[in-house]
Amino acid sequence: MLTLSAVTGGHSSFSTGIHKGKLCPHTLEGKELEMAKTKIEDINRNIYDIKNKDEYEFKIEKGLTAEIIKEISKQKNEPDWMRDFRLKSLEVYNKLELPTWGPDISELNMKDIATYVKPKSKLNSSWDDVPEDIKNTFDKLRNSRSRKGVTRRSRSSI
């Protein structure tokens, strides 16, 4: 078994290793540490699932076809070489089989997805010029991160 203490020449009382292709328990001075695992059910998504009204200047029809790629390229004012590159990439994509590794994406249907949306927005150089709904989203996210930080600090000092 290869452990962290073996790699550091035995100068560490913390070890973790791989033995016969499996990750072995973490230990601290010979005692097994309990590793906390985050479960999806335990995550409060309310603080991250903030939805604002969709406002866009242009939204492409759903699907992924050569015609849609050409329209996206036109909307973005792209040079011909970029459009051609995207069309060639689409050809490659259409020939590929679904990967067997990672999450199952067999139910992914590109015919149900709008692959390009041009937002109705402008670049702002000042926070004062940013629309209120975006400021509110930043405030909500910042406050949720701040609360988490306070929780973490208070737990770590116990």
Protein backbone atom coordinates (compact mmCIF):
# COMPACT_ATOMS: atom_id res chain seq x y z
CA MET A 1 0.00 0.00 0.00
CA LEU A 2 1.28 3.48 -0.91
CA THR A 3 0.52 6.03 1.77
CA LEU A 4 1.14 9.74 2.18
CA SER A 5 3.58 8.98 5.00
CA ALA A 6 5.46 6.62 2.68
CA VAL A 7 5.71 9.31 0.03
CA THR A 8 6.90 11.91 2.55
CA GLY A 9 9.46 9.55 4.05
CA GLY A 10 7.44 8.72 7.14
CA HIS A 11 7.26 12.32 8.38
CA SER A 12 3.46 12.42 8.42
CA SER A 13 1.03 10.94 10.90
CA PHE A 14 -1.77 11.24 8.33
CA SER A 15 -2.02 8.59 5.66
CA THR A 16 -4.24 7.61 2.83
CA GLY A 17 -3.48 5.12 0.19
CA ILE A 18 -4.43 2.89 -2.65
CA HIS A 19 -4.29 -0.84 -2.12
CA LYS A 20 -5.26 -3.30 -4.87
CA GLY A 21 -6.87 -0.49 -6.87
CA LYS A 22 -9.10 0.72 -4.02
CA LEU A 23 -8.85 3.85 -1.91
CA CYS A 24 -8.04 2.87 1.67
CA PRO A 25 -9.36 4.69 4.76
CA HIS A 26 -7.72 7.86 5.96
CA THR A 27 -5.89 7.43 9.23
CA LEU A 28 -4.43 9.80 11.77
CA GLU A 29 -1.83 8.22 14.02
CA GLY A 30 -3.23 4.80 13.22
CA LYS A 31 -6.90 5.65 13.92
CA GLU A 32 -9.39 5.59 11.07
CA LEU A 33 -11.00 8.96 10.34
CA GLU A 34 -14.68 9.22 9.55
CA MET A 35 -15.16 11.01 6.23
CA ALA A 36 -18.32 13.12 5.96
CA LYS A 37 -20.14 12.77 2.66
CA THR A 38 -22.45 15.37 1.22
CA LYS A 39 -25.75 13.95 0.06
CA ILE A 40 -27.79 15.67 -2.63
CA GLU A 41 -30.89 15.58 -0.40
CA ASP A 42 -28.99 17.60 2.24
CA ILE A 43 -28.29 20.54 -0.07
CA ASN A 44 -30.64 23.49 0.26
CA ARG A 45 -31.05 24.44 -3.41
CA ASN A 46 -33.32 27.42 -2.61
CA ILE A 47 -30.33 29.68 -2.11
CA TYR A 48 -28.93 28.83 -5.57
CA ASP A 49 -32.04 28.34 -7.71
CA ILE A 50 -32.68 32.02 -8.23
CA LYS A 51 -34.72 32.65 -11.34
CA ASN A 52 -35.17 35.99 -13.02
CA LYS A 53 -37.47 36.73 -15.92
CA ASP A 54 -35.92 35.63 -19.22
CA GLU A 55 -35.17 38.70 -21.29
CA TYR A 56 -33.37 38.15 -24.54
CA GLU A 57 -32.75 39.91 -27.78
CA PHE A 58 -32.73 36.71 -29.83
CA LYS A 59 -33.42 33.04 -29.12
CA ILE A 60 -32.67 30.33 -31.69
CA GLU A 61 -35.28 27.67 -32.35
CA LYS A 62 -34.82 24.39 -30.50
CA GLY A 63 -32.60 21.73 -32.00
CA LEU A 64 -29.11 21.33 -33.39
CA THR A 65 -28.98 21.27 -37.17
CA ALA A 66 -26.77 22.77 -39.87
CA GLU A 67 -29.40 25.47 -40.47
CA ILE A 68 -29.43 26.39 -36.79
CA ILE A 69 -25.61 26.51 -36.70
CA LYS A 70 -25.63 28.85 -39.72
CA GLU A 71 -28.19 31.13 -38.06
CA ILE A 72 -26.23 31.24 -34.79
CA SER A 73 -23.08 32.13 -36.74
CA LYS A 74 -24.99 34.87 -38.57
CA GLN A 75 -26.43 36.26 -35.31
CA LYS A 76 -22.94 36.36 -33.78
CA ASN A 77 -21.41 37.98 -36.89
CA GLU A 78 -18.82 35.21 -37.06
CA PRO A 79 -16.33 34.84 -39.91
CA ASP A 80 -16.89 32.07 -42.48
CA TRP A 81 -14.07 29.93 -41.08
CA MET A 82 -15.81 29.81 -37.67
CA ARG A 83 -19.15 28.84 -39.21
CA ASP A 84 -17.41 26.13 -41.26
CA PHE A 85 -15.60 24.88 -38.15
CA ARG A 86 -18.91 24.66 -36.27
CA LEU A 87 -20.56 22.81 -39.17
CA LYS A 88 -17.68 20.31 -39.32
CA SER A 89 -17.94 19.86 -35.54
CA LEU A 90 -21.65 19.15 -35.91
CA GLU A 91 -20.85 16.43 -38.47
CA VAL A 92 -18.43 14.83 -36.00
CA TYR A 93 -20.93 15.16 -33.13
CA ASN A 94 -23.67 13.49 -35.17
CA LYS A 95 -21.42 10.48 -35.86
CA LEU A 96 -20.45 9.95 -32.23
CA GLU A 97 -22.07 7.35 -30.00
CA LEU A 98 -23.05 8.26 -26.47
CA PRO A 99 -20.18 7.85 -24.02
CA THR A 100 -20.30 4.82 -21.75
CA TRP A 101 -18.50 6.65 -18.93
CA GLY A 102 -19.91 9.42 -16.74
CA PRO A 103 -23.58 10.10 -16.14
CA ASP A 104 -26.27 8.57 -18.32
CA ILE A 105 -27.24 11.13 -20.98
CA SER A 106 -29.35 8.81 -23.09
CA GLU A 107 -32.45 10.90 -22.41
CA LEU A 108 -30.78 14.12 -23.57
CA ASN A 109 -32.72 15.33 -26.58
CA MET A 110 -31.08 18.19 -28.47
CA LYS A 111 -34.39 18.77 -30.28
CA ASP A 112 -35.73 20.15 -26.98
CA ILE A 113 -32.87 22.58 -26.31
CA ALA A 114 -32.35 26.10 -27.63
CA THR A 115 -28.57 26.17 -28.01
CA TYR A 116 -28.18 29.94 -28.37
CA VAL A 117 -29.82 32.84 -26.61
CA LYS A 118 -28.55 36.39 -27.05
CA PRO A 119 -29.31 38.24 -23.84
CA LYS A 120 -30.90 41.66 -23.84
CA SER A 121 -28.12 43.40 -22.00
CA LYS A 122 -25.27 45.79 -22.30
CA LEU A 123 -21.89 45.88 -20.68
CA ASN A 124 -21.80 48.23 -17.73
CA SER A 125 -18.70 49.88 -16.36
CA SER A 126 -20.31 50.84 -13.08
CA TRP A 127 -22.26 48.83 -10.48
CA ASP A 128 -24.78 51.69 -10.43
CA ASP A 129 -25.69 50.90 -14.07
CA VAL A 130 -26.34 47.18 -13.44
CA PRO A 131 -30.07 46.26 -13.56
CA GLU A 132 -31.76 45.80 -10.18
CA ASP A 133 -32.70 42.14 -10.74
CA ILE A 134 -29.04 41.25 -11.31
CA LYS A 135 -27.93 43.23 -8.24
CA ASN A 136 -30.56 41.39 -6.18
CA THR A 137 -29.27 38.02 -7.43
CA PHE A 138 -25.71 38.94 -6.46
CA ASP A 139 -26.89 40.06 -3.04
CA LYS A 140 -28.78 36.80 -2.46
CA LEU A 141 -25.77 34.72 -3.48
CA ARG A 142 -23.35 36.81 -1.46
CA ASN A 143 -25.54 36.58 1.64
CA SER A 144 -25.92 32.80 1.34
CA ARG A 145 -22.12 32.43 1.01
CA SER A 146 -21.61 34.71 4.01
CA ARG A 147 -23.99 32.61 6.12
CA LYS A 148 -22.16 29.43 5.10
CA GLY A 149 -18.83 31.00 6.05
CA VAL A 150 -20.12 31.94 9.50
CA THR A 151 -21.44 28.40 9.97
CA ARG A 152 -18.12 26.89 8.90
CA ARG A 153 -16.10 29.15 11.17
CA SER A 154 -18.31 28.47 14.17
CA ARG A 155 -18.18 24.70 13.61
CA SER A 156 -14.41 24.65 13.14
CA SER A 157 -13.82 26.53 16.40
CA ILE A 158 -15.80 23.99 18.47
